[in-house]
Amino acid sequence: MAKSYGVAGVVACFLTRRMSLRGRRLSSDEAELLAQYRALTEDDQVAMRYLVGAMKSVSRF
């Protein structure tokens, strides 16, 4: 579960900071995660956004 939270956290970062990401280069790990997210179907992307939002709402950090 900890690893999936890390992935979801990175995806959340991508989704919430799109504008700031344009000003810097992505690391190879970030680029890979972004490519995997973009490869999802639209329904799966929506589900991922809901999942990330739910995880952020219950996170203590």
N, C-alpha and C. Protein backbone atom coordinates (compact mmCIF):
# COMPACT_ATOMS: atom_id res chain seq x y z
N MET A 1 0.82 -1.20 0.00
CA MET A 1 0.00 0.00 0.00
C MET A 1 0.86 1.25 0.00
N ALA A 2 2.00 1.20 0.67
CA ALA A 2 2.86 2.38 0.74
C ALA A 2 3.36 2.77 -0.64
N LYS A 3 3.70 1.80 -1.46
CA LYS A 3 4.20 2.11 -2.79
C LYS A 3 3.09 2.72 -3.65
N SER A 4 1.89 2.19 -3.58
CA SER A 4 0.80 2.76 -4.37
C SER A 4 0.47 4.17 -3.91
N TYR A 5 0.62 4.44 -2.63
CA TYR A 5 0.42 5.81 -2.15
C TYR A 5 1.47 6.73 -2.74
N GLY A 6 2.70 6.27 -2.85
CA GLY A 6 3.76 7.08 -3.44
C GLY A 6 3.46 7.40 -4.89
N VAL A 7 3.01 6.42 -5.64
CA VAL A 7 2.65 6.64 -7.03
C VAL A 7 1.48 7.60 -7.13
N ALA A 8 0.47 7.37 -6.32
CA ALA A 8 -0.69 8.26 -6.33
C ALA A 8 -0.30 9.67 -5.92
N GLY A 9 0.60 9.78 -4.98
CA GLY A 9 1.07 11.10 -4.56
C GLY A 9 1.77 11.84 -5.68
N VAL A 10 2.58 11.12 -6.44
CA VAL A 10 3.26 11.74 -7.57
C VAL A 10 2.26 12.15 -8.63
N VAL A 11 1.29 11.30 -8.90
CA VAL A 11 0.25 11.65 -9.88
C VAL A 11 -0.52 12.87 -9.40
N ALA A 12 -0.82 12.94 -8.11
CA ALA A 12 -1.51 14.10 -7.58
C ALA A 12 -0.68 15.36 -7.77
N CYS A 13 0.60 15.21 -7.56
CA CYS A 13 1.49 16.35 -7.78
C CYS A 13 1.41 16.81 -9.22
N PHE A 14 1.42 15.87 -10.16
CA PHE A 14 1.30 16.24 -11.58
C PHE A 14 -0.01 16.95 -11.86
N LEU A 15 -1.08 16.43 -11.30
CA LEU A 15 -2.39 16.99 -11.59
C LEU A 15 -2.59 18.38 -10.98
N THR A 16 -2.03 18.60 -9.81
CA THR A 16 -2.27 19.87 -9.12
C THR A 16 -1.26 20.94 -9.49
N ARG A 17 -0.15 20.54 -10.10
CA ARG A 17 0.90 21.52 -10.41
C ARG A 17 1.27 21.53 -11.88
N ARG A 18 0.33 21.37 -12.75
CA ARG A 18 0.61 21.34 -14.18
C ARG A 18 1.36 22.57 -14.65
N MET A 19 0.93 23.72 -14.19
CA MET A 19 1.55 24.96 -14.65
C MET A 19 3.00 25.06 -14.20
N SER A 20 3.29 24.67 -12.98
CA SER A 20 4.66 24.78 -12.49
C SER A 20 5.58 23.75 -13.13
N LEU A 21 5.03 22.64 -13.60
CA LEU A 21 5.86 21.61 -14.23
C LEU A 21 6.41 22.06 -15.58
N ARG A 22 5.75 23.01 -16.19
CA ARG A 22 6.20 23.47 -17.50
C ARG A 22 7.53 24.18 -17.43
N GLY A 23 7.91 24.66 -16.27
CA GLY A 23 9.13 25.42 -16.12
C GLY A 23 10.37 24.59 -15.81
N ARG A 24 10.24 23.29 -15.63
CA ARG A 24 11.41 22.45 -15.32
C ARG A 24 11.32 21.12 -16.03
N ARG A 25 12.44 20.44 -16.13
CA ARG A 25 12.47 19.12 -16.75
C ARG A 25 12.05 18.06 -15.74
N LEU A 26 11.33 17.07 -16.22
CA LEU A 26 10.90 15.97 -15.36
C LEU A 26 12.03 14.96 -15.22
N SER A 27 12.10 14.34 -14.07
CA SER A 27 13.04 13.23 -13.90
C SER A 27 12.53 12.05 -14.73
N SER A 28 13.36 11.05 -14.92
CA SER A 28 12.93 9.89 -15.72
C SER A 28 11.77 9.16 -15.03
N ASP A 29 11.78 9.09 -13.70
CA ASP A 29 10.68 8.45 -12.97
C ASP A 29 9.38 9.23 -13.13
N GLU A 30 9.47 10.55 -13.03
CA GLU A 30 8.28 11.39 -13.20
C GLU A 30 7.73 11.28 -14.61
N ALA A 31 8.62 11.28 -15.60
CA ALA A 31 8.19 11.16 -16.99
C ALA A 31 7.51 9.82 -17.24
N GLU A 32 8.04 8.76 -16.63
CA GLU A 32 7.44 7.43 -16.79
C GLU A 32 6.04 7.38 -16.16
N LEU A 33 5.90 7.95 -14.95
CA LEU A 33 4.59 7.98 -14.30
C LEU A 33 3.59 8.79 -15.09
N LEU A 34 4.03 9.90 -15.64
CA LEU A 34 3.14 10.73 -16.44
C LEU A 34 2.71 10.00 -17.71
N ALA A 35 3.64 9.28 -18.33
CA ALA A 35 3.30 8.51 -19.53
C ALA A 35 2.30 7.41 -19.19
N GLN A 36 2.48 6.76 -18.05
CA GLN A 36 1.54 5.71 -17.64
C GLN A 36 0.16 6.30 -17.36
N TYR A 37 0.12 7.47 -16.74
CA TYR A 37 -1.16 8.13 -16.46
C TYR A 37 -1.86 8.49 -17.77
N ARG A 38 -1.12 9.05 -18.70
CA ARG A 38 -1.71 9.45 -19.98
C ARG A 38 -2.17 8.25 -20.80
N ALA A 39 -1.58 7.07 -20.56
CA ALA A 39 -1.97 5.87 -21.29
C ALA A 39 -3.29 5.28 -20.77
N LEU A 40 -3.74 5.73 -19.60
CA LEU A 40 -5.00 5.23 -19.05
C LEU A 40 -6.17 5.74 -19.88
N THR A 41 -7.26 5.00 -19.83
CA THR A 41 -8.48 5.48 -20.48
C THR A 41 -9.00 6.70 -19.71
N GLU A 42 -9.88 7.45 -20.32
CA GLU A 42 -10.42 8.64 -19.67
C GLU A 42 -11.14 8.28 -18.37
N ASP A 43 -11.88 7.18 -18.38
CA ASP A 43 -12.56 6.74 -17.16
C ASP A 43 -11.56 6.39 -16.05
N ASP A 44 -10.48 5.73 -16.43
CA ASP A 44 -9.46 5.38 -15.44
C ASP A 44 -8.74 6.62 -14.91
N GLN A 45 -8.54 7.63 -15.76
CA GLN A 45 -7.94 8.87 -15.29
C GLN A 45 -8.85 9.56 -14.27
N VAL A 46 -10.14 9.56 -14.53
CA VAL A 46 -11.10 10.14 -13.59
C VAL A 46 -11.06 9.37 -12.28
N ALA A 47 -11.04 8.05 -12.36
CA ALA A 47 -10.98 7.22 -11.16
C ALA A 47 -9.70 7.50 -10.37
N MET A 48 -8.59 7.68 -11.08
CA MET A 48 -7.32 7.98 -10.42
C MET A 48 -7.38 9.33 -9.71
N ARG A 49 -8.02 10.31 -10.34
CA ARG A 49 -8.14 11.63 -9.70
C ARG A 49 -8.98 11.53 -8.42
N TYR A 50 -10.08 10.75 -8.46
CA TYR A 50 -10.89 10.56 -7.26
C TYR A 50 -10.09 9.84 -6.17
N LEU A 51 -9.33 8.84 -6.56
CA LEU A 51 -8.52 8.09 -5.60
C LEU A 51 -7.48 8.99 -4.95
N VAL A 52 -6.80 9.78 -5.75
CA VAL A 52 -5.78 10.69 -5.22
C VAL A 52 -6.43 11.72 -4.30
N GLY A 53 -7.58 12.25 -4.70
CA GLY A 53 -8.28 13.21 -3.85
C GLY A 53 -8.68 12.60 -2.52
N ALA A 54 -9.15 11.36 -2.55
CA ALA A 54 -9.53 10.68 -1.31
C ALA A 54 -8.31 10.44 -0.43
N MET A 55 -7.21 10.07 -1.03
CA MET A 55 -6.00 9.81 -0.26
C MET A 55 -5.46 11.11 0.36
N LYS A 56 -5.56 12.20 -0.37
CA LYS A 56 -5.11 13.47 0.16
C LYS A 56 -5.99 13.93 1.32
N SER A 57 -7.28 13.63 1.26
CA SER A 57 -8.19 14.08 2.30
C SER A 57 -8.00 13.31 3.61
N VAL A 58 -7.47 12.11 3.56
CA VAL A 58 -7.27 11.33 4.78
C VAL A 58 -5.81 11.31 5.23
N SER A 59 -4.92 11.93 4.46
CA SER A 59 -3.51 11.92 4.80
C SER A 59 -3.23 12.88 5.95
N ARG A 60 -2.31 12.49 6.80
CA ARG A 60 -1.91 13.36 7.91
C ARG A 60 -0.77 14.28 7.53
N PHE A 61 -0.22 14.10 6.34
CA PHE A 61 0.98 14.86 5.95
C PHE A 61 0.67 15.93 4.96
